[in-house]
Amino acid sequence: MLKLGLNAENIEAAICDDRPEILEDYEFDARGPACLVLGWADLATPLHIVVGYGSEPGVAIEVVTVYMPDDRQWHNYRTRRR
């Protein structure tokens, strides 16, 4: 997150605005249930955010990692290349 120059407000906007999309569900992830969300920190920057479902009482979600999708691995930011 810090390497990309992002802060908590950028991540919150990417997850909480009206355009986030769940791309993949990781129900049985070793760290606990999570999903991969495509969100936008601003109007031009797509972000992939792995969001864990809160593992502690009172915690709704936890951000596991944030990265910009790599064109070599992703098609249109939504589908993995084979």
PDB file of N, CA and C in Angstrom:
ATOM      1  N   MET A   1       0.828  -1.181   0.000  1.00  0.00           N
ATOM      2  CA  MET A   1       0.000   0.000   0.000  1.00  0.00           C
ATOM      3  C   MET A   1       0.875   1.249   0.000  1.00  0.00           C
ATOM      4  N   LEU A   2       1.859   1.248   0.883  1.00  0.00           N
ATOM      5  CA  LEU A   2       2.742   2.407   0.977  1.00  0.00           C
ATOM      6  C   LEU A   2       3.605   2.556  -0.268  1.00  0.00           C
ATOM      7  N   LYS A   3       4.046   1.433  -0.861  1.00  0.00           N
ATOM      8  CA  LYS A   3       4.848   1.489  -2.083  1.00  0.00           C
ATOM      9  C   LYS A   3       4.083   2.158  -3.222  1.00  0.00           C
ATOM     10  N   LEU A   4       2.763   1.987  -3.225  1.00  0.00           N
ATOM     11  CA  LEU A   4       1.929   2.576  -4.270  1.00  0.00           C
ATOM     12  C   LEU A   4       1.540   4.011  -3.960  1.00  0.00           C
ATOM     13  N   GLY A   5       1.927   4.498  -2.786  1.00  0.00           N
ATOM     14  CA  GLY A   5       1.569   5.859  -2.399  1.00  0.00           C
ATOM     15  C   GLY A   5       0.123   5.996  -1.972  1.00  0.00           C
ATOM     16  N   LEU A   6      -0.457   4.891  -1.485  1.00  0.00           N
ATOM     17  CA  LEU A   6      -1.859   4.897  -1.079  1.00  0.00           C
ATOM     18  C   LEU A   6      -1.974   5.033   0.432  1.00  0.00           C
ATOM     19  N   ASN A   7      -3.091   5.587   0.858  1.00  0.00           N
ATOM     20  CA  ASN A   7      -3.354   5.687   2.291  1.00  0.00           C
ATOM     21  C   ASN A   7      -4.700   5.031   2.592  1.00  0.00           C
ATOM     22  N   ALA A   8      -5.067   5.019   3.841  1.00  0.00           N
ATOM     23  CA  ALA A   8      -6.306   4.362   4.260  1.00  0.00           C
ATOM     24  C   ALA A   8      -7.532   4.964   3.570  1.00  0.00           C
ATOM     25  N   GLU A   9      -7.517   6.255   3.343  1.00  0.00           N
ATOM     26  CA  GLU A   9      -8.660   6.900   2.681  1.00  0.00           C
ATOM     27  C   GLU A   9      -8.812   6.407   1.243  1.00  0.00           C
ATOM     28  N   ASN A  10      -7.684   6.198   0.529  1.00  0.00           N
ATOM     29  CA  ASN A  10      -7.743   5.672  -0.831  1.00  0.00           C
ATOM     30  C   ASN A  10      -8.362   4.274  -0.850  1.00  0.00           C
ATOM     31  N   ILE A  11      -7.941   3.441   0.095  1.00  0.00           N
ATOM     32  CA  ILE A  11      -8.440   2.077   0.158  1.00  0.00           C
ATOM     33  C   ILE A  11      -9.916   2.065   0.530  1.00  0.00           C
ATOM     34  N   GLU A  12     -10.284   2.878   1.497  1.00  0.00           N
ATOM     35  CA  GLU A  12     -11.688   2.967   1.889  1.00  0.00           C
ATOM     36  C   GLU A  12     -12.550   3.402   0.710  1.00  0.00           C
ATOM     37  N   ALA A  13     -12.095   4.389  -0.045  1.00  0.00           N
ATOM     38  CA  ALA A  13     -12.854   4.848  -1.213  1.00  0.00           C
ATOM     39  C   ALA A  13     -12.969   3.739  -2.252  1.00  0.00           C
ATOM     40  N   ALA A  14     -11.892   2.992  -2.458  1.00  0.00           N
ATOM     41  CA  ALA A  14     -11.908   1.922  -3.455  1.00  0.00           C
ATOM     42  C   ALA A  14     -12.873   0.805  -3.069  1.00  0.00           C
ATOM     43  N   ILE A  15     -12.991   0.533  -1.790  1.00  0.00           N
ATOM     44  CA  ILE A  15     -13.873  -0.542  -1.326  1.00  0.00           C
ATOM     45  C   ILE A  15     -15.309  -0.067  -1.148  1.00  0.00           C
ATOM     46  N   CYS A  16     -15.491   1.164  -0.710  1.00  0.00           N
ATOM     47  CA  CYS A  16     -16.807   1.619  -0.267  1.00  0.00           C
ATOM     48  C   CYS A  16     -17.586   2.435  -1.280  1.00  0.00           C
ATOM     49  N   ASP A  17     -16.969   2.830  -2.387  1.00  0.00           N
ATOM     50  CA  ASP A  17     -17.767   3.599  -3.348  1.00  0.00           C
ATOM     51  C   ASP A  17     -18.760   2.666  -4.036  1.00  0.00           C
ATOM     52  N   ASP A  18     -19.499   3.162  -4.987  1.00  0.00           N
ATOM     53  CA  ASP A  18     -20.560   2.355  -5.588  1.00  0.00           C
ATOM     54  C   ASP A  18     -20.092   1.488  -6.751  1.00  0.00           C
ATOM     55  N   ARG A  19     -18.773   1.351  -6.956  1.00  0.00           N
ATOM     56  CA  ARG A  19     -18.296   0.573  -8.092  1.00  0.00           C
ATOM     57  C   ARG A  19     -17.424  -0.642  -7.760  1.00  0.00           C
ATOM     58  N   PRO A  20     -17.218  -1.023  -6.519  1.00  0.00           N
ATOM     59  CA  PRO A  20     -16.344  -2.169  -6.281  1.00  0.00           C
ATOM     60  C   PRO A  20     -16.983  -3.455  -6.800  1.00  0.00           C
ATOM     61  N   GLU A  21     -16.136  -4.386  -7.256  1.00  0.00           N
ATOM     62  CA  GLU A  21     -16.617  -5.664  -7.770  1.00  0.00           C
ATOM     63  C   GLU A  21     -15.845  -6.788  -7.091  1.00  0.00           C
ATOM     64  N   ILE A  22     -16.550  -7.807  -6.631  1.00  0.00           N
ATOM     65  CA  ILE A  22     -15.875  -8.991  -6.113  1.00  0.00           C
ATOM     66  C   ILE A  22     -15.504  -9.854  -7.311  1.00  0.00           C
ATOM     67  N   LEU A  23     -14.199 -10.087  -7.496  1.00  0.00           N
ATOM     68  CA  LEU A  23     -13.706 -10.853  -8.631  1.00  0.00           C
ATOM     69  C   LEU A  23     -13.537 -12.333  -8.312  1.00  0.00           C
ATOM     70  N   GLU A  24     -13.061 -12.617  -7.126  1.00  0.00           N
ATOM     71  CA  GLU A  24     -12.805 -13.997  -6.726  1.00  0.00           C
ATOM     72  C   GLU A  24     -13.143 -14.144  -5.246  1.00  0.00           C
ATOM     73  N   ASP A  25     -13.610 -15.337  -4.889  1.00  0.00           N
ATOM     74  CA  ASP A  25     -13.919 -15.624  -3.497  1.00  0.00           C
ATOM     75  C   ASP A  25     -12.924 -16.659  -2.993  1.00  0.00           C
ATOM     76  N   TYR A  26     -12.319 -16.391  -1.869  1.00  0.00           N
ATOM     77  CA  TYR A  26     -11.334 -17.288  -1.267  1.00  0.00           C
ATOM     78  C   TYR A  26     -11.901 -17.823   0.044  1.00  0.00           C
ATOM     79  N   GLU A  27     -12.937 -18.618  -0.073  1.00  0.00           N
ATOM     80  CA  GLU A  27     -13.653 -19.118   1.099  1.00  0.00           C
ATOM     81  C   GLU A  27     -12.758 -19.935   2.029  1.00  0.00           C
ATOM     82  N   PHE A  28     -11.802 -20.664   1.450  1.00  0.00           N
ATOM     83  CA  PHE A  28     -10.973 -21.558   2.256  1.00  0.00           C
ATOM     84  C   PHE A  28      -9.516 -21.108   2.320  1.00  0.00           C
ATOM     85  N   ASP A  29      -9.269 -19.820   2.258  1.00  0.00           N
ATOM     86  CA  ASP A  29      -7.915 -19.291   2.348  1.00  0.00           C
ATOM     87  C   ASP A  29      -7.307 -19.644   3.703  1.00  0.00           C
ATOM     88  N   ALA A  30      -6.016 -19.920   3.707  1.00  0.00           N
ATOM     89  CA  ALA A  30      -5.322 -20.300   4.945  1.00  0.00           C
ATOM     90  C   ALA A  30      -5.423 -19.222   6.024  1.00  0.00           C
ATOM     91  N   ARG A  31      -5.547 -17.958   5.606  1.00  0.00           N
ATOM     92  CA  ARG A  31      -5.645 -16.854   6.574  1.00  0.00           C
ATOM     93  C   ARG A  31      -7.070 -16.619   7.034  1.00  0.00           C
ATOM     94  N   GLY A  32      -8.008 -17.336   6.441  1.00  0.00           N
ATOM     95  CA  GLY A  32      -9.426 -17.164   6.747  1.00  0.00           C
ATOM     96  C   GLY A  32     -10.163 -16.727   5.499  1.00  0.00           C
ATOM     97  N   PRO A  33     -11.483 -16.797   5.503  1.00  0.00           N
ATOM     98  CA  PRO A  33     -12.269 -16.424   4.328  1.00  0.00           C
ATOM     99  C   PRO A  33     -11.958 -15.001   3.874  1.00  0.00           C
ATOM    100  N   ALA A  34     -11.863 -14.836   2.554  1.00  0.00           N
ATOM    101  CA  ALA A  34     -11.532 -13.530   1.983  1.00  0.00           C
ATOM    102  C   ALA A  34     -12.077 -13.467   0.559  1.00  0.00           C
ATOM    103  N   CYS A  35     -11.944 -12.314  -0.046  1.00  0.00           N
ATOM    104  CA  CYS A  35     -12.316 -12.160  -1.448  1.00  0.00           C
ATOM    105  C   CYS A  35     -11.394 -11.125  -2.091  1.00  0.00           C
ATOM    106  N   LEU A  36     -11.323 -11.186  -3.403  1.00  0.00           N
ATOM    107  CA  LEU A  36     -10.547 -10.220  -4.180  1.00  0.00           C
ATOM    108  C   LEU A  36     -11.521  -9.202  -4.753  1.00  0.00           C
ATOM    109  N   VAL A  37     -11.292  -7.953  -4.438  1.00  0.00           N
ATOM    110  CA  VAL A  37     -12.177  -6.864  -4.864  1.00  0.00           C
ATOM    111  C   VAL A  37     -11.437  -5.984  -5.867  1.00  0.00           C
ATOM    112  N   LEU A  38     -12.124  -5.619  -6.935  1.00  0.00           N
ATOM    113  CA  LEU A  38     -11.624  -4.605  -7.857  1.00  0.00           C
ATOM    114  C   LEU A  38     -12.281  -3.297  -7.452  1.00  0.00           C
ATOM    115  N   GLY A  39     -11.465  -2.334  -7.083  1.00  0.00           N
ATOM    116  CA  GLY A  39     -11.966  -1.014  -6.713  1.00  0.00           C
ATOM    117  C   GLY A  39     -11.121   0.046  -7.390  1.00  0.00           C
ATOM    118  N   TRP A  40     -11.524   1.269  -7.242  1.00  0.00           N
ATOM    119  CA  TRP A  40     -10.841   2.385  -7.901  1.00  0.00           C
ATOM    120  C   TRP A  40     -10.507   3.441  -6.860  1.00  0.00           C
ATOM    121  N   ALA A  41      -9.205   3.681  -6.655  1.00  0.00           N
ATOM    122  CA  ALA A  41      -8.773   4.690  -5.686  1.00  0.00           C
ATOM    123  C   ALA A  41      -9.133   6.091  -6.165  1.00  0.00           C
ATOM    124  N   ASP A  42      -9.180   6.253  -7.449  1.00  0.00           N
ATOM    125  CA  ASP A  42      -9.641   7.496  -8.071  1.00  0.00           C
ATOM    126  C   ASP A  42     -10.286   7.077  -9.380  1.00  0.00           C
ATOM    127  N   LEU A  43     -10.610   7.967 -10.221  1.00  0.00           N
ATOM    128  CA  LEU A  43     -11.322   7.599 -11.445  1.00  0.00           C
ATOM    129  C   LEU A  43     -10.473   6.826 -12.441  1.00  0.00           C
ATOM    130  N   ALA A  44      -9.160   6.800 -12.264  1.00  0.00           N
ATOM    131  CA  ALA A  44      -8.313   6.177 -13.273  1.00  0.00           C
ATOM    132  C   ALA A  44      -7.453   5.020 -12.777  1.00  0.00           C
ATOM    133  N   THR A  45      -7.416   4.745 -11.482  1.00  0.00           N
ATOM    134  CA  THR A  45      -6.486   3.761 -10.952  1.00  0.00           C
ATOM    135  C   THR A  45      -7.204   2.519 -10.442  1.00  0.00           C
ATOM    136  N   PRO A  46      -7.141   1.395 -11.191  1.00  0.00           N
ATOM    137  CA  PRO A  46      -7.754   0.170 -10.696  1.00  0.00           C
ATOM    138  C   PRO A  46      -6.870  -0.452  -9.619  1.00  0.00           C
ATOM    139  N   LEU A  47      -7.500  -0.961  -8.585  1.00  0.00           N
ATOM    140  CA  LEU A  47      -6.774  -1.632  -7.512  1.00  0.00           C
ATOM    141  C   LEU A  47      -7.396  -2.991  -7.252  1.00  0.00           C
ATOM    142  N   HIS A  48      -6.562  -3.953  -6.949  1.00  0.00           N
ATOM    143  CA  HIS A  48      -7.030  -5.231  -6.432  1.00  0.00           C
ATOM    144  C   HIS A  48      -6.775  -5.213  -4.934  1.00  0.00           C
ATOM    145  N   ILE A  49      -7.803  -5.514  -4.181  1.00  0.00           N
ATOM    146  CA  ILE A  49      -7.723  -5.488  -2.724  1.00  0.00           C
ATOM    147  C   ILE A  49      -8.226  -6.829  -2.212  1.00  0.00           C
ATOM    148  N   VAL A  50      -7.366  -7.542  -1.517  1.00  0.00           N
ATOM    149  CA  VAL A  50      -7.797  -8.783  -0.880  1.00  0.00           C
ATOM    150  C   VAL A  50      -8.349  -8.396   0.483  1.00  0.00           C
ATOM    151  N   VAL A  51      -9.629  -8.704   0.669  1.00  0.00           N
ATOM    152  CA  VAL A  51     -10.346  -8.318   1.873  1.00  0.00           C
ATOM    153  C   VAL A  51     -10.725  -9.578   2.640  1.00  0.00           C
ATOM    154  N   GLY A  52     -10.258  -9.668   3.877  1.00  0.00           N
ATOM    155  CA  GLY A  52     -10.641 -10.775   4.743  1.00  0.00           C
ATOM    156  C   GLY A  52     -11.892 -10.407   5.504  1.00  0.00           C
ATOM    157  N   TYR A  53     -12.752 -11.402   5.655  1.00  0.00           N
ATOM    158  CA  TYR A  53     -13.955 -11.189   6.453  1.00  0.00           C
ATOM    159  C   TYR A  53     -13.517 -11.148   7.907  1.00  0.00           C
ATOM    160  N   GLY A  54     -13.934 -10.165   8.628  1.00  0.00           N
ATOM    161  CA  GLY A  54     -13.474  -9.924  10.002  1.00  0.00           C
ATOM    162  C   GLY A  54     -13.371 -11.189  10.837  1.00  0.00           C
ATOM    163  N   SER A  55     -12.205 -11.426  11.373  1.00  0.00           N
ATOM    164  CA  SER A  55     -11.979 -12.645  12.145  1.00  0.00           C
ATOM    165  C   SER A  55     -12.151 -12.426  13.647  1.00  0.00           C
ATOM    166  N   GLU A  56     -12.366 -11.190  14.042  1.00  0.00           N
ATOM    167  CA  GLU A  56     -12.548 -10.871  15.462  1.00  0.00           C
ATOM    168  C   GLU A  56     -13.878 -10.159  15.655  1.00  0.00           C
ATOM    169  N   PRO A  57     -14.482 -10.326  16.810  1.00  0.00           N
ATOM    170  CA  PRO A  57     -15.739  -9.617  17.075  1.00  0.00           C
ATOM    171  C   PRO A  57     -15.566  -8.102  16.894  1.00  0.00           C
ATOM    172  N   GLY A  58     -16.519  -7.490  16.237  1.00  0.00           N
ATOM    173  CA  GLY A  58     -16.473  -6.050  16.020  1.00  0.00           C
ATOM    174  C   GLY A  58     -15.660  -5.619  14.818  1.00  0.00           C
ATOM    175  N   VAL A  59     -15.028  -6.568  14.127  1.00  0.00           N
ATOM    176  CA  VAL A  59     -14.234  -6.249  12.935  1.00  0.00           C
ATOM    177  C   VAL A  59     -14.969  -6.820  11.727  1.00  0.00           C
ATOM    178  N   ALA A  60     -15.506  -5.944  10.879  1.00  0.00           N
ATOM    179  CA  ALA A  60     -16.289  -6.396   9.728  1.00  0.00           C
ATOM    180  C   ALA A  60     -15.395  -6.946   8.623  1.00  0.00           C
ATOM    181  N   ILE A  61     -14.325  -6.210   8.280  1.00  0.00           N
ATOM    182  CA  ILE A  61     -13.393  -6.652   7.245  1.00  0.00           C
ATOM    183  C   ILE A  61     -11.974  -6.275   7.644  1.00  0.00           C
ATOM    184  N   GLU A  62     -11.023  -6.945   7.003  1.00  0.00           N
ATOM    185  CA  GLU A  62      -9.614  -6.627   7.190  1.00  0.00           C
ATOM    186  C   GLU A  62      -8.957  -6.589   5.816  1.00  0.00           C
ATOM    187  N   VAL A  63      -8.205  -5.565   5.530  1.00  0.00           N
ATOM    188  CA  VAL A  63      -7.478  -5.495   4.269  1.00  0.00           C
ATOM    189  C   VAL A  63      -6.222  -6.344   4.414  1.00  0.00           C
ATOM    190  N   VAL A  64      -6.110  -7.365   3.560  1.00  0.00           N
ATOM    191  CA  VAL A  64      -4.967  -8.273   3.604  1.00  0.00           C
ATOM    192  C   VAL A  64      -3.827  -7.724   2.756  1.00  0.00           C
ATOM    193  N   THR A  65      -4.144  -7.336   1.520  1.00  0.00           N
ATOM    194  CA  THR A  65      -3.137  -6.763   0.634  1.00  0.00           C
ATOM    195  C   THR A  65      -3.805  -5.913  -0.434  1.00  0.00           C
ATOM    196  N   VAL A  66      -3.027  -5.023  -1.004  1.00  0.00           N
ATOM    197  CA  VAL A  66      -3.497  -4.134  -2.069  1.00  0.00           C
ATOM    198  C   VAL A  66      -2.426  -4.100  -3.142  1.00  0.00           C
ATOM    199  N   TYR A  67      -2.848  -4.212  -4.407  1.00  0.00           N
ATOM    200  CA  TYR A  67      -1.884  -4.092  -5.499  1.00  0.00           C
ATOM    201  C   TYR A  67      -2.584  -3.607  -6.752  1.00  0.00           C
ATOM    202  N   MET A  68      -1.807  -3.082  -7.679  1.00  0.00           N
ATOM    203  CA  MET A  68      -2.333  -2.696  -8.986  1.00  0.00           C
ATOM    204  C   MET A  68      -2.244  -3.936  -9.886  1.00  0.00           C
ATOM    205  N   PRO A  69      -3.331  -4.297 -10.559  1.00  0.00           N
ATOM    206  CA  PRO A  69      -3.288  -5.473 -11.405  1.00  0.00           C
ATOM    207  C   PRO A  69      -2.281  -5.309 -12.545  1.00  0.00           C
ATOM    208  N   ASP A  70      -1.496  -6.345 -12.754  1.00  0.00           N
ATOM    209  CA  ASP A  70      -0.465  -6.368 -13.792  1.00  0.00           C
ATOM    210  C   ASP A  70      -1.091  -6.848 -15.099  1.00  0.00           C
ATOM    211  N   ASP A  71      -0.932  -6.075 -16.168  1.00  0.00           N
ATOM    212  CA  ASP A  71      -1.504  -6.428 -17.470  1.00  0.00           C
ATOM    213  C   ASP A  71      -1.030  -7.789 -17.966  1.00  0.00           C
ATOM    214  N   ARG A  72       0.132  -8.236 -17.523  1.00  0.00           N
ATOM    215  CA  ARG A  72       0.639  -9.546 -17.957  1.00  0.00           C
ATOM    216  C   ARG A  72      -0.132 -10.689 -17.292  1.00  0.00           C
ATOM    217  N   GLN A  73      -0.792 -10.403 -16.170  1.00  0.00           N
ATOM    218  CA  GLN A  73      -1.526 -11.438 -15.449  1.00  0.00           C
ATOM    219  C   GLN A  73      -3.041 -11.277 -15.503  1.00  0.00           C
ATOM    220  N   TRP A  74      -3.500 -10.090 -15.873  1.00  0.00           N
ATOM    221  CA  TRP A  74      -4.927  -9.792 -15.850  1.00  0.00           C
ATOM    222  C   TRP A  74      -5.388  -9.211 -17.177  1.00  0.00           C
ATOM    223  N   HIS A  75      -6.583  -9.583 -17.593  1.00  0.00           N
ATOM    224  CA  HIS A  75      -7.229  -9.048 -18.783  1.00  0.00           C
ATOM    225  C   HIS A  75      -8.353  -8.130 -18.315  1.00  0.00           C
ATOM    226  N   ASN A  76      -8.319  -6.879 -18.687  1.00  0.00           N
ATOM    227  CA  ASN A  76      -9.339  -5.904 -18.279  1.00  0.00           C
ATOM    228  C   ASN A  76      -9.494  -5.791 -16.764  1.00  0.00           C
ATOM    229  N   TYR A  77      -8.471  -6.075 -16.025  1.00  0.00           N
ATOM    230  CA  TYR A  77      -8.468  -5.979 -14.566  1.00  0.00           C
ATOM    231  C   TYR A  77      -9.415  -6.956 -13.876  1.00  0.00           C
ATOM    232  N   ARG A  78     -10.216  -7.716 -14.646  1.00  0.00           N
ATOM    233  CA  ARG A  78     -11.263  -8.545 -14.062  1.00  0.00           C
ATOM    234  C   ARG A  78     -11.042 -10.053 -14.223  1.00  0.00           C
ATOM    235  N   THR A  79     -10.304 -10.441 -15.245  1.00  0.00           N
ATOM    236  CA  THR A  79     -10.155 -11.850 -15.553  1.00  0.00           C
ATOM    237  C   THR A  79      -8.671 -12.193 -15.641  1.00  0.00           C
ATOM    238  N   ARG A  80      -8.300 -13.270 -14.951  1.00  0.00           N
ATOM    239  CA  ARG A  80      -6.891 -13.721 -15.012  1.00  0.00           C
ATOM    240  C   ARG A  80      -6.582 -14.246 -16.408  1.00  0.00           C
ATOM    241  N   ARG A  81      -5.388 -13.938 -16.868  1.00  0.00           N
ATOM    242  CA  ARG A  81      -4.918 -14.521 -18.124  1.00  0.00           C
ATOM    243  C   ARG A  81      -4.533 -15.963 -17.846  1.00  0.00           C
ATOM    244  N   ARG A  82      -4.635 -16.799 -18.836  1.00  0.00           N
ATOM    245  CA  ARG A  82      -4.270 -18.225 -18.695  1.00  0.00           C
ATOM    246  C   ARG A  82      -2.852 -18.452 -19.126  1.00  0.00           C
TER     247      ARG A  82
END
